[in-house]
Amino acid sequence: QVQVVESGGGLVQAGGSLRLSCTASGLTLGFGAYAMAWFRQAPGKEREGVACINAGAATTSYVDSVKGRFTISRDDGKNTLYLQVDSLKPGDTAMYYCAAEKVPNYRSATYYGNDHFGFWGQGTQVAVSS
């Protein structure tokens, strides 16, 4: 059974930073074989893909609104995905979710759309005050 668990959220002032973590276990081919992604959902808004990293960590992709402020990375030895979030803005307030792709595709991070991801965690809340 696949388990995905996020942590690291919190309440910060605008301009602050957080480091979100996500551990994923039980993936059939092992954590390292799967592209991983971070999503977020603010109240009353649709879920939005924030960042993606492919298997092997050779490529990453980001939504335009976070480019230059967020950094996605992974440690396959620890089955852990990270999202370093810097220069936070009130508009970044949301529940942040980690997800693994449904089936390994071994493609560039820019290949993946939201529908490629199928294993989700419960989320970690990020709140940014002005």
Protein backbone atom coordinates (compact mmCIF):
# COMPACT_ATOMS: atom_id res chain seq x y z
CA GLN A 1 0.00 0.00 0.00
CA VAL A 2 1.34 3.39 -0.99
CA GLN A 3 1.65 5.95 1.78
CA VAL A 4 2.49 9.59 1.16
CA VAL A 5 3.03 11.90 4.11
CA GLU A 6 3.77 15.63 3.96
CA SER A 7 5.23 17.80 6.71
CA GLY A 8 6.87 21.16 7.27
CA GLY A 9 4.04 23.59 6.78
CA GLY A 10 3.30 26.44 9.14
CA LEU A 11 2.46 30.10 9.60
CA VAL A 12 5.08 32.56 8.40
CA GLN A 13 5.28 36.25 7.62
CA ALA A 14 5.54 37.47 4.06
CA GLY A 15 9.11 37.15 2.87
CA GLY A 16 9.75 34.14 5.05
CA SER A 17 10.75 30.61 4.15
CA LEU A 18 9.73 27.04 4.82
CA ARG A 19 10.99 23.63 3.80
CA LEU A 20 8.27 21.15 3.01
CA SER A 21 9.03 17.42 3.09
CA CYS A 22 7.21 14.39 1.76
CA THR A 23 7.98 10.74 2.31
CA ALA A 24 6.48 8.11 0.03
CA SER A 25 6.59 4.40 0.71
CA GLY A 26 5.13 1.32 -0.93
CA LEU A 27 5.62 2.41 -4.54
CA THR A 28 5.89 -0.76 -6.60
CA LEU A 29 9.12 0.10 -8.43
CA GLY A 30 10.67 2.09 -5.60
CA PHE A 31 10.56 5.82 -4.90
CA GLY A 32 13.39 6.64 -7.30
CA ALA A 33 11.51 5.36 -10.35
CA TYR A 34 8.65 7.86 -10.04
CA ALA A 35 8.33 11.47 -11.03
CA MET A 36 7.10 13.47 -8.04
CA ALA A 37 5.27 16.74 -7.75
CA TRP A 38 3.95 19.34 -5.36
CA PHE A 39 0.46 20.75 -5.72
CA ARG A 40 -1.45 23.33 -3.71
CA GLN A 41 -5.05 24.25 -3.17
CA ALA A 42 -6.28 27.47 -1.65
CA PRO A 43 -9.80 27.81 -0.24
CA GLY A 44 -12.32 28.23 -3.04
CA LYS A 45 -9.75 27.56 -5.76
CA GLU A 46 -8.85 24.57 -7.88
CA ARG A 47 -5.81 22.46 -7.14
CA GLU A 48 -2.73 23.81 -8.89
CA GLY A 49 0.46 22.05 -9.88
CA VAL A 50 3.39 23.92 -8.34
CA ALA A 51 6.55 21.96 -9.14
CA CYS A 52 7.62 18.65 -10.61
CA ILE A 53 10.83 16.64 -10.60
CA ASN A 54 11.44 13.64 -12.79
CA ALA A 55 12.88 10.26 -11.82
CA GLY A 56 16.62 10.72 -11.45
CA ALA A 57 16.18 14.43 -10.66
CA ALA A 58 17.64 15.48 -14.01
CA THR A 59 14.86 17.96 -14.75
CA THR A 60 12.42 20.13 -12.85
CA SER A 61 9.51 22.34 -13.80
CA TYR A 62 7.59 25.08 -11.99
CA VAL A 63 4.42 27.07 -12.40
CA ASP A 64 5.30 30.63 -13.39
CA SER A 65 4.09 32.18 -10.14
CA VAL A 66 6.75 30.38 -8.07
CA LYS A 67 9.74 30.40 -10.41
CA GLY A 68 12.80 31.79 -8.68
CA ARG A 69 11.22 31.39 -5.22
CA PHE A 70 10.51 27.65 -4.86
CA THR A 71 12.95 24.77 -5.34
CA ILE A 72 11.95 21.13 -5.66
CA SER A 73 14.45 18.38 -4.87
CA ARG A 74 14.51 14.73 -3.89
CA ASP A 75 16.62 12.29 -1.90
CA ASP A 76 15.92 8.84 -3.28
CA GLY A 77 17.95 7.16 -0.55
CA LYS A 78 15.49 8.57 1.99
CA ASN A 79 12.36 8.21 -0.17
CA THR A 80 11.83 11.91 0.40
CA LEU A 81 10.73 14.84 -1.72
CA TYR A 82 11.37 18.44 -0.69
CA LEU A 83 10.04 21.86 -1.57
CA GLN A 84 12.07 24.85 -0.40
CA VAL A 85 9.74 27.82 -0.43
CA ASP A 86 11.35 31.25 -0.12
CA SER A 87 10.15 34.84 -0.41
CA LEU A 88 6.67 33.72 0.54
CA LYS A 89 3.68 35.87 -0.33
CA PRO A 90 0.15 35.88 1.10
CA GLY A 91 -0.99 34.44 -2.24
CA ASP A 92 1.04 31.30 -1.48
CA THR A 93 -1.32 30.43 1.36
CA ALA A 94 -2.76 26.99 0.62
CA MET A 95 -2.75 23.34 1.52
CA TYR A 96 0.29 21.80 -0.13
CA TYR A 97 0.16 18.23 -1.37
CA CYS A 98 2.79 15.82 -2.56
CA ALA A 99 2.03 13.27 -5.28
CA ALA A 100 3.72 10.43 -7.14
CA GLU A 101 3.02 9.61 -10.75
CA LYS A 102 0.67 6.71 -11.31
CA VAL A 103 3.02 4.73 -13.56
CA PRO A 104 6.70 5.54 -14.20
CA ASN A 105 7.20 7.21 -17.58
CA TYR A 106 10.85 8.25 -17.27
CA ARG A 107 10.19 11.52 -19.05
CA SER A 108 11.34 15.09 -18.54
CA ALA A 109 9.59 16.98 -15.76
CA THR A 110 7.98 19.26 -18.36
CA TYR A 111 6.09 16.28 -19.79
CA TYR A 112 3.79 15.75 -16.83
CA GLY A 113 0.28 17.10 -16.39
CA ASN A 114 -1.83 16.88 -13.30
CA ASP A 115 -3.55 13.70 -14.49
CA HIS A 116 -0.29 11.76 -14.43
CA PHE A 117 -0.23 11.79 -10.63
CA GLY A 118 -2.23 9.31 -8.62
CA PHE A 119 -0.78 8.80 -5.15
CA TRP A 120 -1.57 11.68 -2.84
CA GLY A 121 -0.82 12.66 0.71
CA GLN A 122 -3.08 14.45 3.19
CA GLY A 123 -1.35 17.77 2.76
CA THR A 124 0.49 20.29 4.92
CA GLN A 125 -0.89 23.78 5.48
CA VAL A 126 1.12 26.87 4.57
CA ALA A 127 -0.22 30.22 5.76
CA VAL A 128 1.52 33.49 4.95
CA SER A 129 0.61 36.65 6.81
CA SER A 130 1.12 40.11 5.37
